[in-house]
N, C-alpha and C. Protein backbone atom coordinates (compact mmCIF):
# COMPACT_ATOMS: atom_id res chain seq x y z
N UNK A 1 11.63 -24.94 -13.76
CA UNK A 1 12.39 -23.71 -13.51
C UNK A 1 11.61 -22.51 -13.68
N UNK A 2 11.80 -21.52 -12.87
CA UNK A 2 11.14 -20.06 -12.69
C UNK A 2 11.95 -19.48 -13.91
N UNK A 3 10.86 -18.34 -14.57
CA UNK A 3 11.30 -17.51 -15.58
C UNK A 3 11.95 -16.33 -14.76
N UNK A 4 12.88 -15.58 -15.37
CA UNK A 4 13.64 -14.50 -14.53
C UNK A 4 13.19 -13.29 -15.03
N UNK A 5 12.79 -12.44 -14.05
CA UNK A 5 12.31 -10.95 -14.42
C UNK A 5 13.57 -10.21 -14.23
N UNK A 6 13.81 -9.44 -15.60
CA UNK A 6 14.87 -8.69 -15.62
C UNK A 6 14.52 -7.44 -15.11
N UNK A 7 14.95 -6.61 -14.41
CA UNK A 7 14.78 -5.32 -13.83
C UNK A 7 15.59 -4.10 -14.41
N UNK A 8 14.84 -2.96 -15.06
CA UNK A 8 15.76 -2.03 -15.52
C UNK A 8 15.20 -0.59 -14.89
N UNK A 9 15.52 0.36 -15.78
CA UNK A 9 15.60 1.85 -15.34
C UNK A 9 14.15 2.10 -15.33
N UNK A 10 13.17 1.53 -16.23
CA UNK A 10 11.81 1.83 -16.14
C UNK A 10 10.97 1.11 -15.35
N UNK A 11 11.56 0.35 -14.53
CA UNK A 11 10.84 -0.59 -13.24
C UNK A 11 10.91 0.45 -11.92
N UNK A 12 9.92 0.27 -11.06
CA UNK A 12 10.09 0.88 -9.78
C UNK A 12 9.43 -0.33 -8.83
N UNK A 13 10.21 -0.15 -7.63
CA UNK A 13 9.18 -0.96 -6.43
C UNK A 13 8.85 -0.09 -5.55
N UNK A 14 7.12 -0.51 -5.22
CA UNK A 14 6.16 0.51 -4.57
C UNK A 14 6.31 -0.48 -3.21
N UNK A 15 6.42 0.09 -2.16
CA UNK A 15 6.29 -0.55 -0.81
C UNK A 15 5.60 0.19 -0.07
N UNK A 16 4.28 -0.47 0.31
CA UNK A 16 2.83 0.09 0.87
C UNK A 16 3.01 -0.03 2.26
N UNK A 17 2.94 1.15 3.11
CA UNK A 17 2.45 1.24 4.19
C UNK A 17 3.00 -0.17 5.38
N UNK A 18 4.27 -0.21 5.40
CA UNK A 18 5.16 -1.14 6.25
C UNK A 18 5.23 -0.54 7.46
N UNK A 19 4.41 -0.23 8.41
CA UNK A 19 4.30 0.61 9.44
C UNK A 19 3.94 -0.24 10.69
N UNK A 20 4.29 0.42 11.77
CA UNK A 20 4.20 -0.42 13.14
C UNK A 20 2.85 -0.84 13.56
N UNK A 21 1.99 0.31 13.23
CA UNK A 21 0.43 -0.05 13.56
C UNK A 21 -0.16 -1.11 12.85
N UNK A 22 0.55 -1.67 11.60
CA UNK A 22 0.06 -2.50 10.77
C UNK A 22 0.67 -3.93 10.96
N UNK A 23 1.60 -4.07 11.81
CA UNK A 23 2.41 -5.02 12.22
C UNK A 23 2.11 -5.71 13.51
N UNK A 24 2.71 -6.68 13.88
CA UNK A 24 1.94 -7.22 15.23
C UNK A 24 2.32 -6.63 16.53
N UNK A 25 1.40 -6.19 17.28
CA UNK A 25 1.54 -5.49 18.32
C UNK A 25 1.03 -3.85 17.93
N UNK A 26 0.69 -3.58 16.87
CA UNK A 26 0.00 -2.62 16.43
C UNK A 26 -1.63 -2.67 16.83
N UNK A 27 -1.83 -1.01 16.50
CA UNK A 27 -3.51 -1.07 16.73
C UNK A 27 -4.34 -1.62 15.51
N UNK A 28 -3.56 -1.63 14.52
CA UNK A 28 -4.53 -2.41 13.44
C UNK A 28 -3.43 -3.65 12.74
N UNK A 29 -3.09 -4.34 13.36
CA UNK A 29 -2.30 -5.30 13.10
C UNK A 29 -2.68 -6.35 12.25
N UNK A 30 -1.92 -6.73 11.24
CA UNK A 30 -2.12 -8.06 10.26
C UNK A 30 -1.17 -9.05 10.64
N UNK A 31 -1.71 -10.29 10.83
CA UNK A 31 -1.31 -11.37 11.42
C UNK A 31 -0.03 -11.81 10.60
N UNK A 32 1.04 -11.84 11.01
CA UNK A 32 2.37 -11.97 10.22
C UNK A 32 3.05 -11.07 9.37
N UNK A 33 2.37 -9.96 9.47
CA UNK A 33 2.82 -8.68 8.36
C UNK A 33 4.40 -8.46 8.56
N UNK A 34 5.10 -8.50 9.67
CA UNK A 34 6.69 -8.50 9.69
C UNK A 34 7.38 -9.50 9.10
N UNK A 35 6.74 -10.58 8.72
CA UNK A 35 7.29 -11.53 8.12
C UNK A 35 7.70 -11.41 6.40
N UNK A 36 7.10 -10.07 5.79
CA UNK A 36 7.20 -9.84 4.59
C UNK A 36 8.59 -9.01 4.31
N UNK A 37 9.11 -8.24 5.61
CA UNK A 37 10.10 -7.39 5.52
C UNK A 37 11.46 -7.87 5.01
N UNK A 38 11.92 -8.94 5.35
CA UNK A 38 13.10 -9.44 4.45
C UNK A 38 13.10 -9.64 3.17
N UNK A 39 11.92 -9.95 2.65
CA UNK A 39 11.85 -10.23 1.24
C UNK A 39 11.61 -8.66 0.45
N UNK A 40 11.08 -7.77 1.29
CA UNK A 40 11.06 -6.46 0.92
C UNK A 40 12.46 -5.77 0.85
N UNK A 41 13.22 -6.14 1.78
CA UNK A 41 14.30 -5.50 2.04
C UNK A 41 15.67 -6.18 0.88
N UNK A 42 15.26 -7.41 0.49
CA UNK A 42 16.02 -7.98 -0.50
C UNK A 42 15.85 -7.28 -2.03
N UNK A 43 14.68 -6.92 -2.17
CA UNK A 43 14.25 -6.44 -3.56
C UNK A 43 14.51 -5.36 -3.69
N UNK A 44 14.61 -4.36 -2.72
CA UNK A 44 15.15 -3.04 -2.96
C UNK A 44 16.32 -2.81 -3.35
N UNK A 45 17.46 -3.85 -3.15
CA UNK A 45 18.54 -3.73 -3.91
C UNK A 45 18.66 -3.91 -5.28
N UNK A 46 17.53 -4.29 -5.84
CA UNK A 46 17.39 -4.71 -7.43
C UNK A 46 16.79 -3.37 -8.16
N UNK A 47 16.31 -2.61 -7.24
CA UNK A 47 15.74 -1.39 -8.22
C UNK A 47 16.41 0.13 -8.09
N UNK A 48 16.22 0.92 -9.01
CA UNK A 48 16.89 2.11 -9.01
C UNK A 48 16.01 3.34 -8.42
N UNK A 49 14.66 2.83 -8.54
CA UNK A 49 13.54 3.39 -8.11
C UNK A 49 12.85 2.90 -6.97
N UNK A 50 13.01 3.22 -5.86
CA UNK A 50 12.11 2.79 -4.60
C UNK A 50 11.39 3.84 -4.15
N UNK A 51 9.87 3.59 -4.10
CA UNK A 51 8.92 4.32 -3.42
C UNK A 51 8.14 3.94 -2.16
N UNK A 52 8.00 4.62 -0.93
CA UNK A 52 7.48 3.80 0.17
C UNK A 52 6.04 4.72 0.47
N UNK A 53 5.07 4.04 0.76
CA UNK A 53 3.98 4.95 1.33
C UNK A 53 4.02 4.89 2.74
N UNK A 54 3.24 5.76 3.42
CA UNK A 54 3.02 5.88 4.74
C UNK A 54 1.39 6.47 5.09
N UNK A 55 0.80 5.49 5.61
CA UNK A 55 -0.27 6.05 6.20
C UNK A 55 -0.24 7.20 7.35
N UNK A 56 -0.84 8.54 7.26
CA UNK A 56 -0.34 9.65 8.11
C UNK A 56 -1.70 10.35 8.35
N UNK A 57 -2.20 9.90 9.37
CA UNK A 57 -3.56 10.50 9.76
C UNK A 57 -3.61 11.60 10.66
N UNK A 58 -4.13 12.53 10.85
CA UNK A 58 -4.47 13.60 11.86
C UNK A 58 -5.34 12.91 13.07
N UNK A 59 -5.02 13.23 14.09
CA UNK A 59 -6.10 12.84 15.27
C UNK A 59 -7.36 12.94 14.98
N UNK A 60 -8.39 12.17 15.38
CA UNK A 60 -9.77 12.44 15.09
C UNK A 60 -10.42 12.14 13.56
N UNK A 61 -9.42 11.43 12.89
CA UNK A 61 -9.80 11.13 11.42
C UNK A 61 -11.01 10.69 11.20
N UNK A 62 -11.61 10.92 9.85
CA UNK A 62 -13.12 10.34 9.98
C UNK A 62 -13.16 9.06 9.46
N UNK A 63 -12.07 8.31 9.23
CA UNK A 63 -11.87 6.79 9.02
C UNK A 63 -11.97 6.12 10.24
N UNK A 64 -11.66 7.03 11.38
CA UNK A 64 -11.45 5.93 12.76
C UNK A 64 -12.95 6.01 13.49
N UNK A 65 -13.29 4.73 13.76
CA UNK A 65 -14.41 4.53 14.67
C UNK A 65 -14.63 5.32 15.86
N UNK A 66 -13.58 5.80 16.36
CA UNK A 66 -13.90 6.58 17.60
C UNK A 66 -14.22 7.99 17.37
N UNK A 67 -14.48 8.19 16.06
CA UNK A 67 -14.80 9.62 15.39
C UNK A 67 -16.21 9.62 15.33
N UNK A 68 -16.88 8.55 15.57
CA UNK A 68 -18.32 8.50 15.32
C UNK A 68 -19.16 7.62 16.44
N UNK A 69 -19.82 8.36 16.90
CA UNK A 69 -20.83 7.97 18.04
C UNK A 69 -21.46 6.78 17.80
N UNK A 70 -21.22 5.89 18.68
CA UNK A 70 -22.11 4.75 18.81
C UNK A 70 -21.36 3.60 17.69
N UNK A 71 -20.28 3.64 17.18
CA UNK A 71 -19.48 3.14 16.04
C UNK A 71 -18.49 2.23 16.49
N UNK A 72 -18.37 1.21 16.05
CA UNK A 72 -17.28 0.30 16.36
C UNK A 72 -16.23 -0.23 15.16
N UNK A 73 -14.92 -0.45 15.35
CA UNK A 73 -14.17 -0.72 14.42
C UNK A 73 -14.82 -1.77 13.53
N UNK A 74 -14.67 -1.51 12.31
CA UNK A 74 -15.05 -2.59 11.07
C UNK A 74 -16.65 -2.31 10.67
N UNK A 75 -17.10 -1.38 11.38
CA UNK A 75 -18.46 -0.88 10.88
C UNK A 75 -18.29 -0.14 9.68
N UNK A 76 -19.36 0.34 8.91
CA UNK A 76 -19.24 1.33 7.73
C UNK A 76 -20.27 2.45 7.94
N UNK A 77 -19.87 3.47 7.56
CA UNK A 77 -20.66 4.64 7.58
C UNK A 77 -20.74 5.18 6.10
N UNK A 78 -21.81 6.29 5.59
CA UNK A 78 -21.73 6.68 4.61
C UNK A 78 -21.08 8.07 4.72
N UNK A 79 -19.95 8.25 3.84
CA UNK A 79 -19.40 9.93 3.89
C UNK A 79 -19.54 10.28 2.65
N UNK A 80 -19.26 11.69 2.28
CA UNK A 80 -19.15 12.36 1.20
C UNK A 80 -18.77 11.51 -0.28
N UNK A 81 -17.75 10.80 -0.31
CA UNK A 81 -17.32 10.15 -1.27
C UNK A 81 -17.59 8.73 -1.50
N UNK A 82 -18.57 8.33 -0.21
CA UNK A 82 -18.99 6.93 -0.52
C UNK A 82 -18.70 5.94 0.85
N UNK A 83 -18.97 4.89 0.55
CA UNK A 83 -18.91 3.81 2.04
C UNK A 83 -17.67 3.87 2.58
N UNK A 84 -17.41 4.09 3.85
CA UNK A 84 -16.21 4.05 4.50
C UNK A 84 -16.23 3.26 5.76
N UNK A 85 -15.22 2.20 5.76
CA UNK A 85 -15.20 1.41 6.75
C UNK A 85 -14.28 2.01 7.78
N UNK A 86 -15.03 1.71 9.22
CA UNK A 86 -14.14 2.50 10.17
C UNK A 86 -13.13 1.40 10.83
N UNK A 87 -12.42 2.27 11.29
CA UNK A 87 -11.03 1.52 11.66
C UNK A 87 -10.60 2.05 13.09
N UNK A 88 -9.75 1.28 13.83
CA UNK A 88 -9.35 1.56 14.93
C UNK A 88 -8.41 2.90 14.82
N UNK A 89 -8.08 3.52 15.79
CA UNK A 89 -7.11 4.74 15.71
C UNK A 89 -6.01 4.16 15.29
N UNK A 90 -4.89 4.49 14.19
CA UNK A 90 -4.14 3.99 13.77
C UNK A 90 -3.23 5.11 13.21
N UNK A 91 -2.10 4.99 13.00
CA UNK A 91 -1.32 5.59 11.99
C UNK A 91 -1.12 7.14 12.36
N UNK A 92 -1.31 7.64 13.61
CA UNK A 92 -1.49 9.05 13.96
C UNK A 92 -0.31 10.01 13.62
N UNK A 93 -0.29 11.07 12.51
CA UNK A 93 0.97 11.33 12.23
C UNK A 93 1.72 11.59 13.40
N UNK A 94 3.07 11.29 13.03
CA UNK A 94 4.08 11.59 14.31
C UNK A 94 4.02 10.66 15.46
N UNK A 95 3.27 9.69 15.38
CA UNK A 95 2.85 8.59 16.58
C UNK A 95 4.25 7.58 16.13
N UNK A 96 4.51 6.66 16.92
CA UNK A 96 5.26 5.41 16.76
C UNK A 96 4.76 4.71 16.06
N UNK A 97 3.29 4.51 16.03
CA UNK A 97 2.37 3.43 15.49
C UNK A 97 2.84 4.26 13.84
N UNK A 98 2.77 5.33 13.57
CA UNK A 98 2.96 5.77 12.39
C UNK A 98 4.37 5.54 11.48
N UNK A 99 5.41 5.39 12.59
CA UNK A 99 6.65 5.04 12.00
C UNK A 99 6.62 3.79 11.15
N UNK A 100 7.76 3.86 10.39
CA UNK A 100 7.93 2.70 9.57
C UNK A 100 8.65 1.23 10.54
N UNK A 101 8.32 0.34 10.19
CA UNK A 101 8.65 -0.71 11.14
C UNK A 101 10.48 -0.69 11.30
N UNK A 102 10.74 -0.97 12.39
CA UNK A 102 12.36 -0.58 12.56
C UNK A 102 13.01 -1.74 11.48
N UNK A 103 12.59 -2.80 11.22
CA UNK A 103 13.44 -3.84 10.45
C UNK A 103 13.27 -3.30 8.91
N UNK A 104 12.49 -2.49 8.42
CA UNK A 104 12.46 -2.19 7.22
C UNK A 104 13.63 -1.18 6.86
N UNK A 105 14.09 -1.39 5.62
CA UNK A 105 15.21 -0.67 5.14
C UNK A 105 14.86 0.61 4.30
N UNK A 106 14.83 1.66 4.90
CA UNK A 106 14.12 2.71 4.21
C UNK A 106 15.42 3.65 3.69
N UNK A 107 16.49 3.28 3.41
CA UNK A 107 17.75 4.06 3.18
C UNK A 107 17.74 4.07 1.34
N UNK A 108 16.84 3.00 0.75
CA UNK A 108 16.71 3.25 -0.52
C UNK A 108 15.74 3.97 -1.41
N UNK A 109 15.01 4.28 -0.39
CA UNK A 109 13.61 5.12 -0.91
C UNK A 109 14.16 6.39 -1.63
N UNK A 110 13.48 6.49 -2.89
CA UNK A 110 13.77 7.97 -3.53
C UNK A 110 12.59 8.82 -3.18
N UNK A 111 11.62 8.52 -2.98
CA UNK A 111 10.16 9.08 -2.53
C UNK A 111 9.43 8.72 -1.50
N UNK A 112 9.10 9.25 -0.43
CA UNK A 112 7.91 8.62 0.42
C UNK A 112 6.60 9.47 0.44
N UNK A 113 5.72 9.01 0.03
CA UNK A 113 4.47 9.56 -0.06
C UNK A 113 3.41 9.14 1.40
N UNK A 114 2.96 10.46 1.79
CA UNK A 114 2.18 10.49 3.16
C UNK A 114 0.72 10.33 2.52
N UNK A 115 -0.09 9.57 2.98
CA UNK A 115 -1.52 9.50 2.44
C UNK A 115 -2.41 9.54 3.81
N UNK A 116 -3.67 10.06 3.37
CA UNK A 116 -4.56 10.05 4.48
C UNK A 116 -4.68 11.17 5.44
N UNK A 117 -3.95 12.38 4.93
CA UNK A 117 -3.57 13.23 5.65
C UNK A 117 -4.81 14.31 5.76
N UNK A 118 -5.66 14.19 4.93
CA UNK A 118 -6.71 15.05 5.06
C UNK A 118 -7.85 14.47 6.03
N UNK A 119 -8.34 15.20 7.12
CA UNK A 119 -9.11 14.82 8.05
C UNK A 119 -10.29 14.28 7.70
N UNK A 120 -11.08 14.64 6.69
CA UNK A 120 -12.35 14.29 5.98
C UNK A 120 -12.26 13.18 5.23
N UNK A 121 -11.12 12.57 4.59
CA UNK A 121 -11.02 11.55 3.37
C UNK A 121 -10.04 10.79 3.84
N UNK A 122 -10.50 9.47 3.70
CA UNK A 122 -9.47 8.40 3.78
C UNK A 122 -8.71 8.15 2.60
N UNK A 123 -7.63 7.28 2.71
CA UNK A 123 -6.54 7.32 1.32
C UNK A 123 -6.15 5.94 1.32
N UNK A 124 -6.55 5.14 0.89
CA UNK A 124 -5.93 3.53 0.62
C UNK A 124 -4.73 3.54 -0.42
N UNK A 125 -5.05 4.03 -1.75
CA UNK A 125 -4.47 4.26 -2.82
C UNK A 125 -3.08 4.91 -2.78
N UNK A 126 -2.10 4.41 -3.31
CA UNK A 126 -0.56 5.53 -3.35
C UNK A 126 -0.80 6.60 -4.29
N UNK A 127 -2.19 6.35 -5.01
CA UNK A 127 -2.22 7.59 -6.26
C UNK A 127 -3.26 8.41 -6.02
N UNK A 128 -4.22 8.02 -5.31
CA UNK A 128 -5.61 8.95 -5.17
C UNK A 128 -6.22 8.43 -3.61
N UNK A 129 -6.60 9.88 -3.37
CA UNK A 129 -7.44 9.58 -1.87
C UNK A 129 -8.88 9.12 -2.37
N UNK A 130 -9.61 8.50 -1.37
CA UNK A 130 -10.83 7.69 -1.75
C UNK A 130 -12.00 8.46 -2.31
N UNK A 131 -11.89 9.93 -2.43
CA UNK A 131 -13.01 10.57 -3.17
C UNK A 131 -12.36 10.55 -4.73
N UNK A 132 -11.12 9.94 -5.08
CA UNK A 132 -10.91 9.31 -6.29
C UNK A 132 -10.67 10.76 -7.46
N UNK A 133 -10.52 11.85 -6.58
CA UNK A 133 -10.18 13.20 -7.23
C UNK A 133 -8.84 13.45 -6.92
N UNK A 134 -8.30 13.38 -5.59
CA UNK A 134 -7.29 14.09 -5.21
C UNK A 134 -5.97 13.36 -5.38
N UNK A 135 -5.18 14.10 -6.15
CA UNK A 135 -3.98 12.88 -6.34
C UNK A 135 -2.79 13.21 -5.28
N UNK A 136 -2.06 11.95 -5.11
CA UNK A 136 -1.02 12.27 -4.32
C UNK A 136 0.19 12.78 -5.05
N UNK A 137 0.17 13.15 -6.46
CA UNK A 137 1.42 13.19 -7.39
C UNK A 137 2.18 12.15 -7.70
N UNK A 138 1.97 11.15 -7.26
CA UNK A 138 2.89 9.78 -7.28
C UNK A 138 3.11 9.40 -9.05
N UNK A 139 1.75 9.71 -9.70
CA UNK A 139 1.90 9.36 -11.28
C UNK A 139 2.71 10.38 -11.85
N UNK A 140 2.52 11.59 -11.44
CA UNK A 140 3.44 12.58 -12.11
C UNK A 140 4.86 12.30 -11.89
N UNK A 141 5.15 11.71 -10.85
CA UNK A 141 6.85 11.54 -10.18
C UNK A 141 7.18 10.23 -11.12
N UNK A 142 6.53 9.23 -11.32
CA UNK A 142 6.93 7.98 -11.87
C UNK A 142 6.89 8.41 -13.58
N UNK A 143 6.22 9.31 -13.92
CA UNK A 143 6.39 9.75 -15.44
C UNK A 143 7.37 10.16 -15.65
N UNK A 144 7.78 11.28 -14.88
CA UNK A 144 9.00 12.17 -15.04
C UNK A 144 10.14 11.34 -14.99
N UNK A 145 10.11 10.13 -14.24
CA UNK A 145 11.41 9.40 -14.38
C UNK A 145 11.41 8.06 -15.30
N UNK A 146 10.35 8.25 -16.26
CA UNK A 146 10.11 7.27 -17.26
C UNK A 146 9.71 5.67 -16.74
N UNK A 147 9.03 5.94 -15.67
CA UNK A 147 8.60 4.41 -15.11
C UNK A 147 7.67 3.96 -15.93
N UNK A 148 7.72 2.65 -16.00
CA UNK A 148 6.62 2.20 -16.83
C UNK A 148 5.78 0.73 -16.04
N UNK A 149 6.64 0.29 -15.32
CA UNK A 149 6.25 -1.03 -14.62
C UNK A 149 6.46 -0.84 -13.02
N UNK A 150 5.55 -1.11 -12.45
CA UNK A 150 5.47 -1.21 -10.94
C UNK A 150 5.40 -2.65 -10.16
N UNK A 151 6.28 -2.68 -9.28
CA UNK A 151 6.33 -4.20 -8.36
C UNK A 151 5.68 -3.82 -7.05
N UNK A 152 4.42 -4.42 -6.70
CA UNK A 152 3.98 -4.20 -5.57
C UNK A 152 4.13 -4.85 -4.41
N UNK A 153 4.60 -4.36 -3.10
CA UNK A 153 4.56 -4.86 -1.71
C UNK A 153 3.93 -4.20 -0.90
N UNK A 154 3.90 -4.95 0.25
CA UNK A 154 3.63 -4.19 1.44
C UNK A 154 2.29 -4.75 2.16
N UNK A 155 1.49 -3.75 2.86
CA UNK A 155 0.26 -4.25 3.58
C UNK A 155 -0.74 -3.05 3.36
N UNK A 156 -1.95 -3.48 3.16
CA UNK A 156 -2.49 -5.22 2.96
C UNK A 156 -3.10 -5.13 1.63
N UNK A 157 -3.10 -6.52 1.21
CA UNK A 157 -3.56 -6.73 -0.16
C UNK A 157 -4.89 -6.30 -0.47
N UNK A 158 -5.87 -6.55 0.45
CA UNK A 158 -7.19 -6.31 -0.01
C UNK A 158 -7.36 -4.76 0.14
N UNK A 159 -6.74 -3.79 0.86
CA UNK A 159 -6.91 -2.66 0.74
C UNK A 159 -5.96 -1.54 0.02
N UNK A 160 -4.78 -1.41 0.79
CA UNK A 160 -3.84 -0.16 0.29
C UNK A 160 -2.87 -0.79 -1.03
N UNK A 161 -2.31 -2.10 -0.79
CA UNK A 161 -1.91 -2.38 -2.00
C UNK A 161 -2.50 -2.80 -3.20
N UNK A 162 -4.01 -3.30 -2.71
CA UNK A 162 -4.91 -3.59 -4.10
C UNK A 162 -5.15 -2.50 -4.60
N UNK A 163 -5.79 -1.34 -3.96
CA UNK A 163 -6.22 -0.36 -4.57
C UNK A 163 -5.38 0.50 -5.30
N UNK A 164 -3.80 0.59 -4.68
CA UNK A 164 -2.83 1.00 -5.52
C UNK A 164 -2.35 0.36 -6.86
N UNK A 165 -2.77 -0.75 -6.80
CA UNK A 165 -2.63 -1.58 -8.14
C UNK A 165 -3.37 -1.41 -9.20
N UNK A 166 -4.83 -1.00 -8.65
CA UNK A 166 -5.94 -0.67 -9.71
C UNK A 166 -5.63 0.58 -9.93
N UNK A 167 -5.19 1.49 -9.11
CA UNK A 167 -5.16 2.87 -9.62
C UNK A 167 -3.81 2.82 -10.58
N UNK A 168 -2.84 2.05 -10.38
CA UNK A 168 -1.68 2.17 -11.24
C UNK A 168 -2.16 1.51 -12.43
N UNK A 169 -2.78 0.55 -12.74
CA UNK A 169 -3.34 0.01 -14.00
C UNK A 169 -4.09 1.39 -14.53
N UNK A 170 -5.06 1.91 -14.07
CA UNK A 170 -5.86 2.89 -14.62
C UNK A 170 -5.14 4.28 -15.19
N UNK A 171 -3.89 4.31 -14.35
CA UNK A 171 -3.07 5.22 -14.86
C UNK A 171 -1.96 4.91 -15.93
N UNK A 172 -2.14 3.77 -16.47
CA UNK A 172 -1.40 3.26 -17.33
C UNK A 172 -0.31 2.55 -17.22
N UNK A 173 0.11 2.19 -16.05
CA UNK A 173 1.41 1.27 -15.79
C UNK A 173 1.24 0.23 -15.87
N UNK A 174 2.24 -0.85 -16.15
CA UNK A 174 2.14 -2.10 -15.78
C UNK A 174 2.17 -2.80 -14.53
N UNK A 175 1.58 -3.61 -13.89
CA UNK A 175 1.70 -3.88 -12.48
C UNK A 175 2.13 -5.19 -12.34
N UNK A 176 3.01 -5.90 -11.64
CA UNK A 176 3.45 -6.90 -10.98
C UNK A 176 2.80 -6.96 -9.43
N UNK A 177 2.19 -7.65 -8.98
CA UNK A 177 2.10 -8.09 -7.61
C UNK A 177 2.95 -9.11 -6.96
N UNK A 178 3.66 -8.78 -6.05
CA UNK A 178 4.55 -9.90 -5.31
C UNK A 178 3.98 -10.60 -4.33
N UNK A 179 3.34 -11.56 -4.28
CA UNK A 179 2.21 -12.07 -3.38
C UNK A 179 3.39 -12.50 -1.95
N UNK A 180 4.60 -12.97 -2.07
CA UNK A 180 5.50 -13.55 -1.01
C UNK A 180 5.96 -12.21 -0.45
N UNK A 181 5.81 -10.81 -0.97
CA UNK A 181 6.28 -9.70 -0.38
C UNK A 181 5.12 -8.87 0.18
N UNK A 182 3.59 -9.28 0.33
CA UNK A 182 2.56 -8.76 0.43
C UNK A 182 1.65 -9.43 1.57
N UNK A 183 1.42 -8.65 2.79
CA UNK A 183 0.57 -9.21 3.77
C UNK A 183 -0.90 -9.15 3.43
N UNK A 184 -1.82 -9.86 3.98
CA UNK A 184 -3.15 -10.00 3.59
C UNK A 184 -4.29 -10.51 4.76
N UNK A 185 -5.20 -9.74 4.75
CA UNK A 185 -6.22 -10.55 5.66
C UNK A 185 -6.55 -11.86 5.57
N UNK A 186 -6.68 -12.13 3.97
CA UNK A 186 -7.51 -13.62 3.68
C UNK A 186 -8.84 -13.57 3.68
N UNK A 187 -9.21 -14.40 2.95
CA UNK A 187 -11.00 -14.47 2.82
C UNK A 187 -11.49 -13.94 1.64
N UNK A 188 -12.69 -13.87 1.75
CA UNK A 188 -13.47 -13.36 0.37
C UNK A 188 -12.83 -12.05 -0.08
N UNK A 189 -12.71 -10.99 0.90
CA UNK A 189 -12.09 -9.67 0.72
C UNK A 189 -10.62 -9.86 -0.36
N UNK A 190 -10.00 -10.95 0.02
CA UNK A 190 -8.86 -11.23 -0.77
C UNK A 190 -9.10 -11.50 -2.03
N UNK A 191 -10.01 -12.53 -2.04
CA UNK A 191 -10.45 -13.41 -3.40
C UNK A 191 -10.90 -12.27 -4.47
N UNK A 192 -11.83 -11.33 -4.04
CA UNK A 192 -12.30 -10.36 -4.73
C UNK A 192 -11.22 -9.29 -5.18
N UNK A 193 -10.34 -8.85 -4.40
CA UNK A 193 -9.38 -8.11 -4.82
C UNK A 193 -8.54 -8.62 -5.85
N UNK A 194 -8.02 -9.96 -5.55
CA UNK A 194 -7.10 -10.71 -6.69
C UNK A 194 -7.78 -10.60 -8.05
N UNK A 195 -9.24 -10.98 -8.03
CA UNK A 195 -10.09 -10.93 -9.25
C UNK A 195 -9.98 -9.56 -9.55
N UNK A 196 -10.31 -8.38 -9.24
CA UNK A 196 -10.19 -7.27 -9.81
C UNK A 196 -8.72 -6.82 -10.41
N UNK A 197 -7.79 -7.14 -9.61
CA UNK A 197 -6.52 -6.67 -10.12
C UNK A 197 -6.23 -7.56 -11.36
N UNK A 198 -6.43 -8.91 -11.31
CA UNK A 198 -6.30 -9.80 -12.69
C UNK A 198 -7.27 -9.17 -13.80
N UNK A 199 -8.46 -8.88 -13.47
CA UNK A 199 -9.46 -8.07 -14.51
C UNK A 199 -8.74 -6.98 -15.01
N UNK A 200 -7.99 -5.96 -14.09
CA UNK A 200 -7.10 -4.83 -14.63
C UNK A 200 -6.23 -5.16 -15.64
N UNK A 201 -5.61 -6.32 -15.57
CA UNK A 201 -4.29 -6.63 -16.22
C UNK A 201 -3.10 -6.86 -15.32
N UNK A 202 -3.11 -6.52 -14.06
CA UNK A 202 -2.18 -6.76 -13.26
C UNK A 202 -1.85 -8.43 -13.22
N UNK A 203 -0.52 -8.24 -13.06
CA UNK A 203 -0.12 -9.72 -12.88
C UNK A 203 0.57 -10.29 -11.67
N UNK A 204 1.28 -11.50 -11.33
CA UNK A 204 1.54 -11.78 -10.10
C UNK A 204 2.95 -12.61 -10.45
N UNK A 205 3.74 -12.29 -9.60
CA UNK A 205 5.18 -13.32 -9.51
C UNK A 205 5.74 -13.30 -8.25
N UNK A 206 6.41 -14.49 -8.17
CA UNK A 206 7.60 -14.88 -7.20
C UNK A 206 8.54 -13.63 -6.91
N UNK A 207 8.92 -13.12 -5.66
CA UNK A 207 9.81 -12.27 -5.28
C UNK A 207 11.15 -13.12 -5.99
N UNK A 208 11.19 -14.61 -5.90
CA UNK A 208 12.63 -15.24 -6.31
C UNK A 208 12.57 -15.11 -7.92
N UNK A 209 11.58 -14.64 -8.58
CA UNK A 209 11.72 -14.69 -9.94
C UNK A 209 12.48 -13.21 -10.77
N UNK A 210 12.71 -12.45 -9.60
CA UNK A 210 13.41 -11.12 -9.92
C UNK A 210 14.83 -11.37 -9.88
N UNK A 211 15.44 -11.04 -11.15
CA UNK A 211 16.70 -11.39 -11.36
C UNK A 211 17.62 -10.58 -10.10
N UNK A 212 18.67 -11.19 -9.71
CA UNK A 212 19.47 -10.69 -8.74
C UNK A 212 20.52 -9.37 -9.37
């Protein structure tokens, strides 16, 4: 029998990047990513604080392979803040690809964080851009509300979900990853991220363990 996790006023649900470009048919699609949406929608009803993040890049963003001559998607380059994986053009501000997936319930959101808006810097985490200095303001928002524990869902575990979890731990929040409400690439990168999250003190739980 599963233990039940009771949700209270100091808990928040963080929904990472459930956007068209990351779902089947999108420019940076993760296989089966849209399959997590029903679980995320059910979870939202159990939280009084729900925050969505949205990748929101200007055209010509430095994380796009198309911005670097001779480079292809998934190559890497060295930028001022470190090694950057290059991506297909995706989630361009105002585009249909950047829109939330139409099946995602956004009506429960108390805050939407748009990240990756700086042309020169990518942003995986919901808390900081990849320069590790520029804050999104999310920590302050959660502290103002008295939030202490975060439940993580969304796309994709090895990057935006995982780095959000690591930053949440470094900012002093308890973190619970809900794997059945998280999309992933799989493989070695997945194993490495789970190891890093576990080492940070993050936990995992099934979405079904959360009390109705």
